[in-house]
Amino acid sequence: MKKSLIALAVASAVSAPAFAATSNVDIYGKLHVSASFVDDQPDAISDLQFTSNASRIGFKGSEDLGGGLKAIWQIESG
C-alpha cells in the first residue's frame, strides 16, 4: 500500500501544475490512513506501517467550447 500512496502523491504533484492554468478545476478526495506500530519482541526490529483505507483523490472540471457547447470531465483514483 505504501507504493500506491507514493504513486498517488507523485501523480498529484505532477498533474497539479498542468491544471493550474485552468480556473474551472475542482480537486476533491478523502484521506483515510491508519498507522500501526509493531513491536513483538524486545530483540526484534520495530516496524511503523501506514495503510490506506479507501483513500481517493479526484479532479473534475468543464470547458466552454463555444457555440453553446460545454465539455465536462472527471478523473478519480482510489
C-alpha atoms as a PDB file:
ATOM      1  CA  MET A   1       0.000   0.000   0.000  1.00  0.00           C
ATOM      2  CA  LYS A   2       2.933   2.363   0.571  1.00  0.00           C
ATOM      3  CA  LYS A   3       3.838   2.228  -3.115  1.00  0.00           C
ATOM      4  CA  SER A   4       0.326   3.141  -4.220  1.00  0.00           C
ATOM      5  CA  LEU A   5       0.208   6.110  -1.816  1.00  0.00           C
ATOM      6  CA  ILE A   6       3.579   7.320  -3.042  1.00  0.00           C
ATOM      7  CA  ALA A   7       2.475   6.923  -6.666  1.00  0.00           C
ATOM      8  CA  LEU A   8      -0.724   8.827  -5.939  1.00  0.00           C
ATOM      9  CA  ALA A   9       1.188  11.651  -4.281  1.00  0.00           C
ATOM     10  CA  VAL A  10       3.642  11.877  -7.184  1.00  0.00           C
ATOM     11  CA  ALA A  11       0.836  11.840  -9.752  1.00  0.00           C
ATOM     12  CA  SER A  12      -0.954  14.598  -7.867  1.00  0.00           C
ATOM     13  CA  ALA A  13       2.166  16.744  -7.659  1.00  0.00           C
ATOM     14  CA  VAL A  14       2.956  16.288 -11.345  1.00  0.00           C
ATOM     15  CA  SER A  15      -0.574  16.904 -12.603  1.00  0.00           C
ATOM     16  CA  ALA A  16      -1.300  19.897 -10.351  1.00  0.00           C
ATOM     17  CA  PRO A  17       0.785  22.390 -12.417  1.00  0.00           C
ATOM     18  CA  ALA A  18      -0.973  21.254 -15.602  1.00  0.00           C
ATOM     19  CA  PHE A  19      -4.361  22.041 -14.072  1.00  0.00           C
ATOM     20  CA  ALA A  20      -3.184  25.315 -12.540  1.00  0.00           C
ATOM     21  CA  ALA A  21      -3.690  27.217 -15.810  1.00  0.00           C
ATOM     22  CA  THR A  22      -7.347  26.175 -15.909  1.00  0.00           C
ATOM     23  CA  SER A  23      -9.517  28.037 -13.444  1.00  0.00           C
ATOM     24  CA  ASN A  24     -12.506  25.684 -13.510  1.00  0.00           C
ATOM     25  CA  VAL A  25     -10.925  22.554 -11.999  1.00  0.00           C
ATOM     26  CA  ASP A  26     -12.102  21.123  -8.688  1.00  0.00           C
ATOM     27  CA  ILE A  27      -9.825  18.881  -6.633  1.00  0.00           C
ATOM     28  CA  TYR A  28     -11.548  16.615  -4.156  1.00  0.00           C
ATOM     29  CA  GLY A  29     -10.926  13.445  -2.215  1.00  0.00           C
ATOM     30  CA  LYS A  30     -10.887  11.583   1.052  1.00  0.00           C
ATOM     31  CA  LEU A  31      -7.881  10.535   3.071  1.00  0.00           C
ATOM     32  CA  HIS A  32      -8.389   7.500   5.267  1.00  0.00           C
ATOM     33  CA  VAL A  33      -4.999   6.448   6.617  1.00  0.00           C
ATOM     34  CA  SER A  34      -4.045   4.369   9.607  1.00  0.00           C
ATOM     35  CA  ALA A  35      -0.654   3.960  11.269  1.00  0.00           C
ATOM     36  CA  SER A  36       0.399   0.760  13.043  1.00  0.00           C
ATOM     37  CA  PHE A  37       3.423   0.351  15.266  1.00  0.00           C
ATOM     38  CA  VAL A  38       4.520  -3.267  15.683  1.00  0.00           C
ATOM     39  CA  ASP A  39       6.967  -4.247  18.417  1.00  0.00           C
ATOM     40  CA  ASP A  40       6.657  -8.006  19.032  1.00  0.00           C
ATOM     41  CA  GLN A  41       9.865  -8.842  20.874  1.00  0.00           C
ATOM     42  CA  PRO A  42      12.437  -6.756  22.739  1.00  0.00           C
ATOM     43  CA  ASP A  43      15.206  -8.045  20.425  1.00  0.00           C
ATOM     44  CA  ALA A  44      13.162  -7.717  17.214  1.00  0.00           C
ATOM     45  CA  ILE A  45      13.103  -4.700  14.947  1.00  0.00           C
ATOM     46  CA  SER A  46      10.150  -2.374  15.435  1.00  0.00           C
ATOM     47  CA  ASP A  47       8.048  -1.519  12.426  1.00  0.00           C
ATOM     48  CA  LEU A  48       5.855   1.501  11.641  1.00  0.00           C
ATOM     49  CA  GLN A  49       3.325   0.864   8.856  1.00  0.00           C
ATOM     50  CA  PHE A  50       0.972   3.295   7.119  1.00  0.00           C
ATOM     51  CA  THR A  51      -2.092   1.825   5.424  1.00  0.00           C
ATOM     52  CA  SER A  52      -4.573   3.440   3.057  1.00  0.00           C
ATOM     53  CA  ASN A  53      -8.177   2.597   3.897  1.00  0.00           C
ATOM     54  CA  ALA A  54     -10.208   3.560   0.833  1.00  0.00           C
ATOM     55  CA  SER A  55      -8.451   6.899   0.250  1.00  0.00           C
ATOM     56  CA  ARG A  56      -9.156   8.636  -3.045  1.00  0.00           C
ATOM     57  CA  ILE A  57      -8.377  11.792  -4.977  1.00  0.00           C
ATOM     58  CA  GLY A  58     -10.209  13.238  -7.943  1.00  0.00           C
ATOM     59  CA  PHE A  59     -10.187  16.091 -10.411  1.00  0.00           C
ATOM     60  CA  LYS A  60     -13.211  17.396 -12.298  1.00  0.00           C
ATOM     61  CA  GLY A  61     -13.855  20.360 -14.480  1.00  0.00           C
ATOM     62  CA  SER A  62     -15.521  21.840 -17.514  1.00  0.00           C
ATOM     63  CA  GLU A  63     -14.511  23.825 -20.548  1.00  0.00           C
ATOM     64  CA  ASP A  64     -16.649  26.137 -22.657  1.00  0.00           C
ATOM     65  CA  LEU A  65     -16.215  25.078 -26.296  1.00  0.00           C
ATOM     66  CA  GLY A  66     -18.229  27.957 -27.733  1.00  0.00           C
ATOM     67  CA  GLY A  67     -21.410  27.835 -29.743  1.00  0.00           C
ATOM     68  CA  GLY A  68     -23.390  26.761 -26.682  1.00  0.00           C
ATOM     69  CA  LEU A  69     -21.280  23.603 -26.204  1.00  0.00           C
ATOM     70  CA  LYS A  70     -19.565  22.647 -22.989  1.00  0.00           C
ATOM     71  CA  ALA A  71     -17.185  19.746 -22.291  1.00  0.00           C
ATOM     72  CA  ILE A  72     -17.116  18.210 -18.807  1.00  0.00           C
ATOM     73  CA  TRP A  73     -14.602  15.722 -17.473  1.00  0.00           C
ATOM     74  CA  GLN A  74     -13.764  13.871 -14.293  1.00  0.00           C
ATOM     75  CA  ILE A  75     -10.962  11.535 -13.204  1.00  0.00           C
ATOM     76  CA  GLU A  76     -10.683   9.781  -9.860  1.00  0.00           C
ATOM     77  CA  SER A  77      -8.192   7.354  -8.367  1.00  0.00           C
ATOM     78  CA  GLY A  78      -8.586   5.275  -5.267  1.00  0.00           C
END
